Amino acid sequence: MNLEDLKILAPLIVGFFGAAFGAYFTLSRFKKEKVWDEKRELYSRVITALEDISYWAEQVRSEHCCEYSSRPESNVDASMREIQKLTVTGRLIMHDEFYDLLVSVHQAIQTEMFRLHEAAQEAFDNSQSEHLFRHAVIIRDLAEEYLPKLIKAAKRNLPKRT
């Protein structure tokens, strides 16, 4: 190999490796952003469902205390189911801290649901029931306790700004 061949091949080889490294880093960043988009979607679903549960509980409390309530319908059953589903499927992609908080709030809500069911199964038919009021206050407190923690955990998992 003579010097003329080396002068021609060197820029080609350097260009090829530069393009390969650039493509690798671009693809790596794209994958990280794609994973974050999926995480953000799951985090958003959890936070929205928990806020909806909190809203339902506050509406029940307001009605019981004869306070003004705008009373747009809440999707509390769908939100409870969403939390339950994401507790099972979220392990795949959620950050450990966020997932652990999700499992904790789900277990706390399920414990409260079981406690209420055992204490007053017939109380769900009466919106003015003391049992339903106490249940709603406990559920609201649980949701309000975990919402900031979940949001903080999601923020800590934000991708680094580059």
Foldseek 3Di string as FASTA:
>chain_A
DDPVVCVVVVVVVVVVVVVVVVVVVVVVVVVVVVLLVVQVVLLVLLLVLLVLLLLVLVQLLCVLVVHDDPDDDGPNVVSLVSLVVCLVVVVVRYDPQLSVLSVVLNVQLVVLVVVLCVVCVPCVVPSNDPSSNVSSVSSNVSSVVSSVVNVVSSVVVDDDDD
